[in-house]
N, C-alpha and C. Protein backbone atom coordinates (compact mmCIF):
# COMPACT_ATOMS: atom_id res chain seq x y z
N MET A 1 0.85 -1.17 0.00
CA MET A 1 0.00 0.00 0.00
C MET A 1 0.89 1.23 0.00
N ILE A 2 0.56 2.17 -0.87
CA ILE A 2 1.30 3.42 -0.98
C ILE A 2 0.45 4.52 -0.37
N LEU A 3 1.09 5.38 0.42
CA LEU A 3 0.38 6.47 1.07
C LEU A 3 0.65 7.78 0.36
N SER A 4 -0.36 8.65 0.37
CA SER A 4 -0.20 9.98 -0.21
C SER A 4 0.54 10.87 0.79
N LYS A 5 0.79 12.10 0.41
CA LYS A 5 1.51 13.04 1.30
C LYS A 5 0.76 13.28 2.60
N ASN A 6 -0.57 13.17 2.56
CA ASN A 6 -1.35 13.39 3.78
C ASN A 6 -1.55 12.11 4.58
N GLY A 7 -0.90 11.03 4.18
CA GLY A 7 -0.95 9.78 4.94
C GLY A 7 -2.07 8.84 4.59
N LYS A 8 -2.93 9.22 3.64
CA LYS A 8 -4.03 8.35 3.25
C LYS A 8 -3.58 7.42 2.13
N PRO A 9 -4.12 6.19 2.08
CA PRO A 9 -3.74 5.27 1.01
C PRO A 9 -4.18 5.80 -0.36
N LEU A 10 -3.32 5.64 -1.34
CA LEU A 10 -3.67 6.02 -2.70
C LEU A 10 -4.63 5.00 -3.29
N LYS A 11 -5.61 5.46 -4.01
CA LYS A 11 -6.54 4.55 -4.68
C LYS A 11 -5.87 4.07 -5.96
N ALA A 12 -5.78 2.79 -6.12
CA ALA A 12 -5.09 2.19 -7.26
C ALA A 12 -6.02 2.08 -8.46
N ILE A 13 -5.43 2.22 -9.65
CA ILE A 13 -6.16 2.02 -10.90
C ILE A 13 -6.15 0.54 -11.21
N GLY A 14 -7.30 0.01 -11.59
CA GLY A 14 -7.42 -1.41 -11.92
C GLY A 14 -6.94 -1.73 -13.33
N PHE A 15 -6.82 -3.01 -13.63
CA PHE A 15 -6.31 -3.49 -14.91
C PHE A 15 -7.12 -2.96 -16.09
N ARG A 16 -8.42 -3.17 -16.05
CA ARG A 16 -9.28 -2.76 -17.16
C ARG A 16 -9.24 -1.25 -17.38
N LYS A 17 -9.33 -0.50 -16.29
CA LYS A 17 -9.29 0.96 -16.37
C LYS A 17 -7.95 1.43 -16.94
N ALA A 18 -6.85 0.79 -16.52
CA ALA A 18 -5.52 1.16 -17.01
C ALA A 18 -5.43 0.95 -18.52
N LEU A 19 -5.87 -0.21 -19.00
CA LEU A 19 -5.82 -0.46 -20.45
C LEU A 19 -6.73 0.49 -21.21
N ASP A 20 -7.89 0.81 -20.65
CA ASP A 20 -8.79 1.78 -21.30
C ASP A 20 -8.10 3.14 -21.42
N LEU A 21 -7.44 3.57 -20.36
CA LEU A 21 -6.71 4.85 -20.40
C LEU A 21 -5.61 4.82 -21.45
N MET A 22 -4.91 3.70 -21.54
CA MET A 22 -3.81 3.57 -22.50
C MET A 22 -4.35 3.56 -23.94
N ARG A 23 -5.53 3.03 -24.14
CA ARG A 23 -6.13 3.02 -25.49
C ARG A 23 -6.64 4.41 -25.87
N GLN A 24 -7.23 5.10 -24.91
CA GLN A 24 -7.80 6.43 -25.17
C GLN A 24 -6.73 7.47 -25.45
N ARG A 25 -5.62 7.37 -24.76
CA ARG A 25 -4.54 8.35 -24.90
C ARG A 25 -3.25 7.60 -25.20
N PRO A 26 -2.84 7.54 -26.46
CA PRO A 26 -1.65 6.76 -26.85
C PRO A 26 -0.37 7.18 -26.14
N GLU A 27 -0.31 8.40 -25.63
CA GLU A 27 0.90 8.84 -24.92
C GLU A 27 0.98 8.33 -23.48
N THR A 28 -0.08 7.69 -23.00
CA THR A 28 -0.11 7.15 -21.64
C THR A 28 0.89 6.02 -21.51
N ARG A 29 1.67 6.05 -20.43
CA ARG A 29 2.70 5.04 -20.18
C ARG A 29 2.58 4.51 -18.75
N LEU A 30 2.91 3.24 -18.60
CA LEU A 30 3.10 2.65 -17.28
C LEU A 30 4.56 2.91 -16.93
N ILE A 31 4.79 3.50 -15.78
CA ILE A 31 6.15 3.90 -15.39
C ILE A 31 6.54 3.22 -14.08
N LEU A 32 7.72 2.64 -14.07
CA LEU A 32 8.30 2.06 -12.86
C LEU A 32 9.17 3.12 -12.21
N SER A 33 8.92 3.38 -10.94
CA SER A 33 9.68 4.36 -10.19
C SER A 33 10.20 3.71 -8.92
N LYS A 34 11.29 4.21 -8.41
CA LYS A 34 11.85 3.72 -7.15
C LYS A 34 11.47 4.67 -6.03
N SER A 35 11.18 4.12 -4.85
CA SER A 35 10.87 4.94 -3.68
C SER A 35 11.53 4.32 -2.45
N LYS A 36 11.34 4.95 -1.34
CA LYS A 36 11.91 4.43 -0.08
C LYS A 36 11.37 3.04 0.25
N THR A 37 10.13 2.77 -0.20
CA THR A 37 9.50 1.49 0.11
C THR A 37 9.71 0.44 -0.96
N GLY A 38 10.40 0.80 -2.05
CA GLY A 38 10.65 -0.16 -3.13
C GLY A 38 10.13 0.33 -4.46
N ASN A 39 9.82 -0.60 -5.35
CA ASN A 39 9.31 -0.25 -6.67
C ASN A 39 7.86 0.23 -6.58
N VAL A 40 7.55 1.28 -7.36
CA VAL A 40 6.21 1.83 -7.42
C VAL A 40 5.86 2.01 -8.89
N PHE A 41 4.65 1.61 -9.27
CA PHE A 41 4.19 1.76 -10.65
C PHE A 41 3.12 2.83 -10.72
N TYR A 42 3.24 3.68 -11.76
CA TYR A 42 2.26 4.73 -12.02
C TYR A 42 1.87 4.70 -13.48
N LEU A 43 0.63 5.04 -13.74
CA LEU A 43 0.18 5.27 -15.10
C LEU A 43 0.21 6.78 -15.28
N ALA A 44 0.92 7.26 -16.29
CA ALA A 44 1.04 8.69 -16.49
C ALA A 44 0.51 9.07 -17.86
N PRO A 45 -0.51 9.90 -17.97
CA PRO A 45 -1.31 10.38 -16.85
C PRO A 45 -2.27 9.30 -16.36
N GLY A 46 -2.63 9.36 -15.13
CA GLY A 46 -3.55 8.37 -14.57
C GLY A 46 -3.45 8.26 -13.07
N GLY A 47 -2.41 7.60 -12.58
CA GLY A 47 -2.25 7.45 -11.15
C GLY A 47 -1.57 6.15 -10.77
N TYR A 48 -1.67 5.81 -9.51
CA TYR A 48 -0.99 4.66 -8.91
C TYR A 48 -1.57 3.34 -9.42
N VAL A 49 -0.69 2.35 -9.65
CA VAL A 49 -1.08 1.01 -10.08
C VAL A 49 -0.41 0.00 -9.13
N GLU A 50 -1.20 -0.93 -8.61
CA GLU A 50 -0.67 -1.98 -7.73
C GLU A 50 0.33 -2.85 -8.51
N PRO A 51 1.35 -3.39 -7.83
CA PRO A 51 2.35 -4.22 -8.52
C PRO A 51 1.77 -5.41 -9.28
N ASP A 52 0.77 -6.09 -8.73
CA ASP A 52 0.20 -7.24 -9.43
C ASP A 52 -0.56 -6.80 -10.69
N THR A 53 -1.20 -5.65 -10.63
CA THR A 53 -1.88 -5.10 -11.80
C THR A 53 -0.86 -4.68 -12.85
N ALA A 54 0.23 -4.05 -12.41
CA ALA A 54 1.30 -3.65 -13.32
C ALA A 54 1.88 -4.87 -14.03
N ASP A 55 2.04 -5.96 -13.31
CA ASP A 55 2.57 -7.20 -13.91
C ASP A 55 1.63 -7.70 -15.02
N LYS A 56 0.32 -7.63 -14.78
CA LYS A 56 -0.66 -8.05 -15.79
C LYS A 56 -0.58 -7.14 -17.02
N ILE A 57 -0.43 -5.83 -16.78
CA ILE A 57 -0.33 -4.88 -17.89
C ILE A 57 0.93 -5.18 -18.71
N ILE A 58 2.05 -5.38 -18.04
CA ILE A 58 3.32 -5.65 -18.72
C ILE A 58 3.25 -6.92 -19.56
N LYS A 59 2.53 -7.93 -19.07
CA LYS A 59 2.41 -9.20 -19.78
C LYS A 59 1.35 -9.20 -20.88
N HIS A 60 0.55 -8.14 -20.97
CA HIS A 60 -0.50 -8.06 -21.99
C HIS A 60 0.15 -8.05 -23.37
N PRO A 61 -0.41 -8.81 -24.34
CA PRO A 61 0.24 -8.92 -25.65
C PRO A 61 0.33 -7.62 -26.45
N GLN A 62 -0.50 -6.63 -26.15
CA GLN A 62 -0.45 -5.36 -26.88
C GLN A 62 0.47 -4.34 -26.22
N VAL A 63 1.05 -4.67 -25.10
CA VAL A 63 1.91 -3.74 -24.37
C VAL A 63 3.37 -4.08 -24.64
N SER A 64 4.15 -3.04 -24.91
CA SER A 64 5.57 -3.27 -25.16
C SER A 64 6.40 -2.29 -24.32
N ALA A 65 7.61 -2.72 -24.02
CA ALA A 65 8.53 -1.90 -23.23
C ALA A 65 9.20 -0.87 -24.10
N SER A 66 9.47 0.28 -23.51
CA SER A 66 10.25 1.32 -24.17
C SER A 66 11.64 1.28 -23.56
N GLU A 67 12.63 1.18 -24.38
CA GLU A 67 14.01 1.13 -23.87
C GLU A 67 14.55 2.55 -23.68
N ASP A 68 13.83 3.33 -22.90
CA ASP A 68 14.23 4.71 -22.69
C ASP A 68 14.59 4.99 -21.23
N GLY A 69 14.85 3.95 -20.48
CA GLY A 69 15.15 4.12 -19.07
C GLY A 69 16.58 4.55 -18.82
N MET A 70 16.88 4.79 -17.57
CA MET A 70 18.22 5.23 -17.18
C MET A 70 19.23 4.10 -17.21
N TRP A 71 18.76 2.85 -17.07
CA TRP A 71 19.66 1.72 -17.02
C TRP A 71 19.46 0.85 -18.25
N PRO A 72 20.47 0.68 -19.08
CA PRO A 72 20.33 -0.14 -20.29
C PRO A 72 19.89 -1.57 -19.94
N GLY A 73 18.96 -2.07 -20.72
CA GLY A 73 18.48 -3.44 -20.52
C GLY A 73 17.44 -3.59 -19.43
N MET A 74 17.08 -2.50 -18.77
CA MET A 74 16.06 -2.56 -17.71
C MET A 74 14.92 -1.62 -18.10
N SER A 75 13.81 -2.18 -18.49
CA SER A 75 12.66 -1.38 -18.91
C SER A 75 12.08 -0.63 -17.72
N GLN A 76 11.70 0.61 -17.96
CA GLN A 76 11.08 1.42 -16.93
C GLN A 76 9.75 2.02 -17.38
N THR A 77 9.46 1.94 -18.69
CA THR A 77 8.18 2.43 -19.20
C THR A 77 7.62 1.43 -20.19
N TRP A 78 6.28 1.37 -20.20
CA TRP A 78 5.56 0.46 -21.11
C TRP A 78 4.38 1.20 -21.68
N GLY A 79 4.06 0.90 -22.93
CA GLY A 79 2.91 1.50 -23.60
C GLY A 79 2.29 0.52 -24.56
N LEU A 80 1.15 0.89 -25.11
CA LEU A 80 0.51 0.03 -26.10
C LEU A 80 1.28 0.08 -27.39
N ALA A 81 1.42 -1.07 -28.00
CA ALA A 81 2.18 -1.16 -29.27
C ALA A 81 1.34 -0.69 -30.43
């Protein structure tokens, strides 16, 4: 669970909603970010995505990784192909 600045849990975007957002706006990306608590996934624009939902999005056949991350060979963004 990820908390907002005011200490309340962030509401996560679900799998179906995330894919709908990615279809509606082709520039929408799933982004992997690092935080004090570990890996955090966000849909930009959109919001927080739970790790298990992010895994489903990444494994979806229409989603592909963008090799634009800071570390070669380690994907940090994904979008619809």
